[in-house]
C-alpha atoms as a PDB file:
ATOM      1  CA  MET A   1      49.594 137.905 140.444  1.00  0.00           C
ATOM      2  CA  SER A   2      48.507 134.413 140.852  1.00  0.00           C
ATOM      3  CA  ASP A   3      45.014 134.394 142.322  1.00  0.00           C
ATOM      4  CA  CYS A   4      41.606 132.881 142.115  1.00  0.00           C
ATOM      5  CA  GLN A   5      41.071 134.411 138.610  1.00  0.00           C
ATOM      6  CA  THR A   6      44.278 133.013 137.334  1.00  0.00           C
ATOM      7  CA  GLY A   7      43.479 129.553 138.493  1.00  0.00           C
ATOM      8  CA  HIS A   8      39.996 129.795 137.047  1.00  0.00           C
ATOM      9  CA  GLU A   9      41.192 131.005 133.653  1.00  0.00           C
ATOM     10  CA  LYS A  10      44.168 128.446 133.432  1.00  0.00           C
ATOM     11  CA  THR A  11      41.820 125.605 134.476  1.00  0.00           C
ATOM     12  CA  LEU A  12      39.285 126.559 131.770  1.00  0.00           C
ATOM     13  CA  THR A  13      42.025 127.138 129.161  1.00  0.00           C
ATOM     14  CA  GLY A  14      43.724 123.810 129.914  1.00  0.00           C
ATOM     15  CA  LEU A  15      40.537 121.919 130.073  1.00  0.00           C
ATOM     16  CA  THR A  16      39.023 123.177 126.703  1.00  0.00           C
ATOM     17  CA  THR A  17      42.449 122.689 125.103  1.00  0.00           C
ATOM     18  CA  LEU A  18      42.623 119.014 126.241  1.00  0.00           C
ATOM     19  CA  LEU A  19      39.042 118.293 125.433  1.00  0.00           C
ATOM     20  CA  ALA A  20      39.596 119.742 121.921  1.00  0.00           C
ATOM     21  CA  GLY A  21      42.203 117.011 121.429  1.00  0.00           C
ATOM     22  CA  SER A  22      45.355 119.107 121.799  1.00  0.00           C
ATOM     23  CA  SER A  23      48.322 117.400 123.567  1.00  0.00           C
ATOM     24  CA  ILE A  24      50.110 120.760 124.196  1.00  0.00           C
ATOM     25  CA  ILE A  25      48.917 123.361 126.627  1.00  0.00           C
ATOM     26  CA  TYR A  26      50.264 126.826 126.120  1.00  0.00           C
ATOM     27  CA  GLY A  27      51.539 129.016 129.039  1.00  0.00           C
ATOM     28  CA  PRO A  28      52.339 127.137 132.014  1.00  0.00           C
ATOM     29  CA  GLY A  29      53.957 129.381 134.534  1.00  0.00           C
ATOM     30  CA  MET A  30      53.063 132.425 132.596  1.00  0.00           C
ATOM     31  CA  LEU A  31      51.105 135.498 133.926  1.00  0.00           C
ATOM     32  CA  GLU A  32      50.048 138.781 132.240  1.00  0.00           C
ATOM     33  CA  SER A  33      49.671 137.246 128.791  1.00  0.00           C
ATOM     34  CA  GLY A  34      53.142 135.725 128.928  1.00  0.00           C
ATOM     35  CA  MET A  35      54.947 138.849 130.057  1.00  0.00           C
ATOM     36  CA  THR A  36      55.783 137.446 133.460  1.00  0.00           C
ATOM     37  CA  PHE A  37      56.943 133.966 134.441  1.00  0.00           C
ATOM     38  CA  ASP A  38      56.440 132.657 137.961  1.00  0.00           C
ATOM     39  CA  PRO A  39      57.936 129.413 139.029  1.00  0.00           C
ATOM     40  CA  ALA A  40      55.240 129.026 141.706  1.00  0.00           C
ATOM     41  CA  GLN A  41      52.595 129.471 138.961  1.00  0.00           C
ATOM     42  CA  LEU A  42      54.301 126.736 137.020  1.00  0.00           C
ATOM     43  CA  VAL A  43      53.942 124.470 139.879  1.00  0.00           C
ATOM     44  CA  ILE A  44      50.231 125.364 140.274  1.00  0.00           C
ATOM     45  CA  ASP A  45      49.737 124.854 136.394  1.00  0.00           C
ATOM     46  CA  ASP A  46      51.278 121.439 136.709  1.00  0.00           C
ATOM     47  CA  GLU A  47      48.616 120.505 139.265  1.00  0.00           C
ATOM     48  CA  ILE A  48      45.916 121.914 137.009  1.00  0.00           C
ATOM     49  CA  VAL A  49      47.101 119.961 133.990  1.00  0.00           C
ATOM     50  CA  ALA A  50      47.394 116.726 135.935  1.00  0.00           C
ATOM     51  CA  MET A  51      43.771 117.132 137.145  1.00  0.00           C
ATOM     52  CA  THR A  52      42.439 118.055 133.664  1.00  0.00           C
ATOM     53  CA  ARG A  53      44.166 115.091 132.132  1.00  0.00           C
ATOM     54  CA  PHE A  54      42.644 112.931 134.917  1.00  0.00           C
ATOM     55  CA  LEU A  55      39.317 114.343 133.850  1.00  0.00           C
ATOM     56  CA  LYS A  56      39.877 113.819 130.248  1.00  0.00           C
ATOM     57  CA  LYS A  57      40.041 110.123 130.736  1.00  0.00           C
ATOM     58  CA  GLY A  58      36.370 110.303 131.528  1.00  0.00           C
ATOM     59  CA  VAL A  59      34.266 108.390 133.982  1.00  0.00           C
ATOM     60  CA  ALA A  60      33.830 104.749 133.501  1.00  0.00           C
ATOM     61  CA  VAL A  61      30.069 103.697 133.751  1.00  0.00           C
ATOM     62  CA  SER A  62      29.544 100.059 134.422  1.00  0.00           C
ATOM     63  CA  ASP A  63      27.783  97.614 136.797  1.00  0.00           C
ATOM     64  CA  ALA A  64      31.010  97.848 138.958  1.00  0.00           C
ATOM     65  CA  THR A  65      31.467 101.666 139.055  1.00  0.00           C
ATOM     66  CA  THR A  66      27.713 102.588 139.501  1.00  0.00           C
ATOM     67  CA  ALA A  67      27.607  99.900 142.384  1.00  0.00           C
ATOM     68  CA  ILE A  68      23.752  99.594 142.202  1.00  0.00           C
ATOM     69  CA  GLU A  69      23.809  96.204 143.813  1.00  0.00           C
ATOM     70  CA  GLU A  70      26.131  97.598 146.588  1.00  0.00           C
ATOM     71  CA  ILE A  71      23.737 100.535 147.071  1.00  0.00           C
ATOM     72  CA  ILE A  72      20.764  98.165 147.477  1.00  0.00           C
ATOM     73  CA  ALA A  73      22.624  95.891 149.743  1.00  0.00           C
ATOM     74  CA  VAL A  74      23.900  98.571 152.146  1.00  0.00           C
ATOM     75  CA  GLY A  75      20.546 100.448 152.150  1.00  0.00           C
ATOM     76  CA  PRO A  76      19.717 103.889 153.453  1.00  0.00           C
ATOM     77  CA  ALA A  77      22.083 105.127 156.123  1.00  0.00           C
ATOM     78  CA  GLY A  78      24.410 102.205 155.670  1.00  0.00           C
ATOM     79  CA  ASN A  79      28.175 102.308 155.808  1.00  0.00           C
ATOM     80  CA  PHE A  80      29.948 102.212 152.314  1.00  0.00           C
ATOM     81  CA  LEU A  81      33.463 102.826 153.747  1.00  0.00           C
ATOM     82  CA  GLU A  82      33.858  99.153 154.851  1.00  0.00           C
ATOM     83  CA  ARG A  83      32.748  97.876 151.344  1.00  0.00           C
ATOM     84  CA  GLU A  84      35.397  96.358 149.100  1.00  0.00           C
ATOM     85  CA  SER A  85      33.950  98.321 146.081  1.00  0.00           C
ATOM     86  CA  THR A  86      34.523 101.693 147.931  1.00  0.00           C
ATOM     87  CA  LEU A  87      38.202 100.545 148.610  1.00  0.00           C
ATOM     88  CA  LYS A  88      38.719  99.914 145.034  1.00  0.00           C
ATOM     89  CA  GLY A  89      36.932 103.115 143.798  1.00  0.00           C
ATOM     90  CA  PHE A  90      38.642 105.616 145.983  1.00  0.00           C
ATOM     91  CA  ARG A  91      42.030 104.781 144.395  1.00  0.00           C
ATOM     92  CA  ASP A  92      40.558 106.213 141.089  1.00  0.00           C
ATOM     93  CA  LEU A  93      40.512 109.667 142.592  1.00  0.00           C
ATOM     94  CA  THR A  94      43.049 112.378 141.715  1.00  0.00           C
ATOM     95  CA  SER A  95      46.013 112.699 143.961  1.00  0.00           C
ATOM     96  CA  PRO A  96      46.979 116.324 144.072  1.00  0.00           C
ATOM     97  CA  ARG A  97      50.213 117.347 145.461  1.00  0.00           C
ATOM     98  CA  LEU A  98      49.166 120.956 146.525  1.00  0.00           C
ATOM     99  CA  ILE A  99      45.466 121.052 146.797  1.00  0.00           C
ATOM    100  CA  ASP A 100      44.611 120.622 150.520  1.00  0.00           C
ATOM    101  CA  ARG A 101      41.524 118.436 151.098  1.00  0.00           C
ATOM    102  CA  LYS A 102      41.827 118.472 154.920  1.00  0.00           C
ATOM    103  CA  VAL A 103      39.037 119.602 157.137  1.00  0.00           C
ATOM    104  CA  ARG A 104      39.454 123.143 158.372  1.00  0.00           C
ATOM    105  CA  GLU A 105      40.891 122.160 161.837  1.00  0.00           C
ATOM    106  CA  ALA A 106      43.675 120.100 160.237  1.00  0.00           C
ATOM    107  CA  TRP A 107      44.506 122.854 157.810  1.00  0.00           C
ATOM    108  CA  GLU A 108      44.690 125.476 160.580  1.00  0.00           C
ATOM    109  CA  ALA A 109      46.757 123.061 162.658  1.00  0.00           C
ATOM    110  CA  ASP A 110      49.287 122.972 159.738  1.00  0.00           C
ATOM    111  CA  GLY A 111      49.609 126.654 159.871  1.00  0.00           C
ATOM    112  CA  SER A 112      46.783 127.624 157.273  1.00  0.00           C
ATOM    113  CA  PRO A 113      49.099 127.497 154.251  1.00  0.00           C
ATOM    114  CA  ASP A 114      47.486 129.008 151.142  1.00  0.00           C
ATOM    115  CA  PHE A 115      47.755 127.395 147.823  1.00  0.00           C
ATOM    116  CA  TYR A 116      50.276 129.910 146.441  1.00  0.00           C
ATOM    117  CA  GLN A 117      52.512 129.737 149.534  1.00  0.00           C
ATOM    118  CA  LYS A 118      52.617 125.907 149.104  1.00  0.00           C
ATOM    119  CA  ALA A 119      53.379 126.258 145.365  1.00  0.00           C
ATOM    120  CA  ARG A 120      56.183 128.678 145.982  1.00  0.00           C
ATOM    121  CA  ALA A 121      57.776 126.488 148.645  1.00  0.00           C
ATOM    122  CA  ARG A 122      57.615 123.500 146.179  1.00  0.00           C
ATOM    123  CA  ALA A 123      59.028 125.557 143.280  1.00  0.00           C
ATOM    124  CA  LYS A 124      62.005 126.556 145.598  1.00  0.00           C
ATOM    125  CA  GLN A 125      62.409 122.975 146.561  1.00  0.00           C
ATOM    126  CA  ILE A 126      62.565 121.804 142.980  1.00  0.00           C
ATOM    127  CA  LEU A 127      65.015 124.589 142.057  1.00  0.00           C
ATOM    128  CA  ALA A 128      67.271 123.797 144.903  1.00  0.00           C
ATOM    129  CA  GLU A 129      67.199 119.881 144.596  1.00  0.00           C
ATOM    130  CA  HIS A 130      66.505 118.833 141.048  1.00  0.00           C
ATOM    131  CA  GLU A 131      69.403 117.612 138.937  1.00  0.00           C
ATOM    132  CA  VAL A 132      69.124 117.406 135.229  1.00  0.00           C
ATOM    133  CA  ALA A 133      70.728 114.258 133.731  1.00  0.00           C
ATOM    134  CA  PRO A 134      73.352 115.102 131.134  1.00  0.00           C
ATOM    135  CA  LEU A 135      72.513 114.460 127.565  1.00  0.00           C
ATOM    136  CA  ASP A 136      74.065 111.475 125.756  1.00  0.00           C
ATOM    137  CA  GLY A 137      77.088 112.312 123.589  1.00  0.00           C
ATOM    138  CA  ASP A 138      75.314 111.339 120.373  1.00  0.00           C
ATOM    139  CA  VAL A 139      72.573 113.787 121.181  1.00  0.00           C
ATOM    140  CA  LEU A 140      75.025 116.622 121.911  1.00  0.00           C
ATOM    141  CA  ASP A 141      76.771 115.836 118.580  1.00  0.00           C
ATOM    142  CA  GLU A 142      73.572 116.104 116.733  1.00  0.00           C
ATOM    143  CA  ILE A 143      72.606 119.343 118.404  1.00  0.00           C
ATOM    144  CA  ARG A 144      76.145 120.881 117.697  1.00  0.00           C
ATOM    145  CA  SER A 145      75.798 119.673 113.980  1.00  0.00           C
ATOM    146  CA  ILE A 146      72.443 121.446 113.790  1.00  0.00           C
ATOM    147  CA  VAL A 147      73.883 124.672 115.151  1.00  0.00           C
ATOM    148  CA  VAL A 148      76.946 124.656 112.913  1.00  0.00           C
ATOM    149  CA  ARG A 149      74.578 123.964 109.866  1.00  0.00           C
ATOM    150  CA  ALA A 150      72.247 126.916 110.936  1.00  0.00           C
ATOM    151  CA  ASP A 151      75.360 129.130 111.505  1.00  0.00           C
ATOM    152  CA  ALA A 152      76.657 128.408 108.057  1.00  0.00           C
ATOM    153  CA  GLN A 153      73.294 128.902 106.441  1.00  0.00           C
ATOM    154  CA  TYR A 154      72.938 132.281 108.272  1.00  0.00           C
ATOM    155  CA  ALA A 155      76.415 133.368 107.126  1.00  0.00           C
ATOM    156  CA  ALA A 156      75.640 132.363 103.530  1.00  0.00           C
ATOM    157  CA  GLY A 157      72.452 134.466 103.670  1.00  0.00           C
ATOM    158  CA  VAL A 158      70.134 131.475 103.254  1.00  0.00           C
END
């Protein structure tokens, strides 16, 4: 079952894999050590991978990003929301599709959907609406030739 533990494990697994330099993360959509596949979990894992990739890029530290001059200029209890540097910087945040960052009242007004319910609805939408573009004829011919060669090798006991 996809739950808090699953999210924790998948986040740590994905993050440590990316930080180690791998470009492939094993197990998106899998539960129970790969014995179960859940399309909703795949959507959740896509969100986790996107956020870990964002994190892997690191945090830029410069005069512009630390905004020390801005902090001094605004002063204690000042308003940073109207500053140009804030407008530039907030675009560098992640933009999750499932994670809900609304305040409680807004979340409750939306029906209090939990993360898994939203992922399941998104998975159903993808399965209903997604169309796969057909492969080019050259690609299909190459795949067919590989299969024919493999069948011949198998038949010959190679």
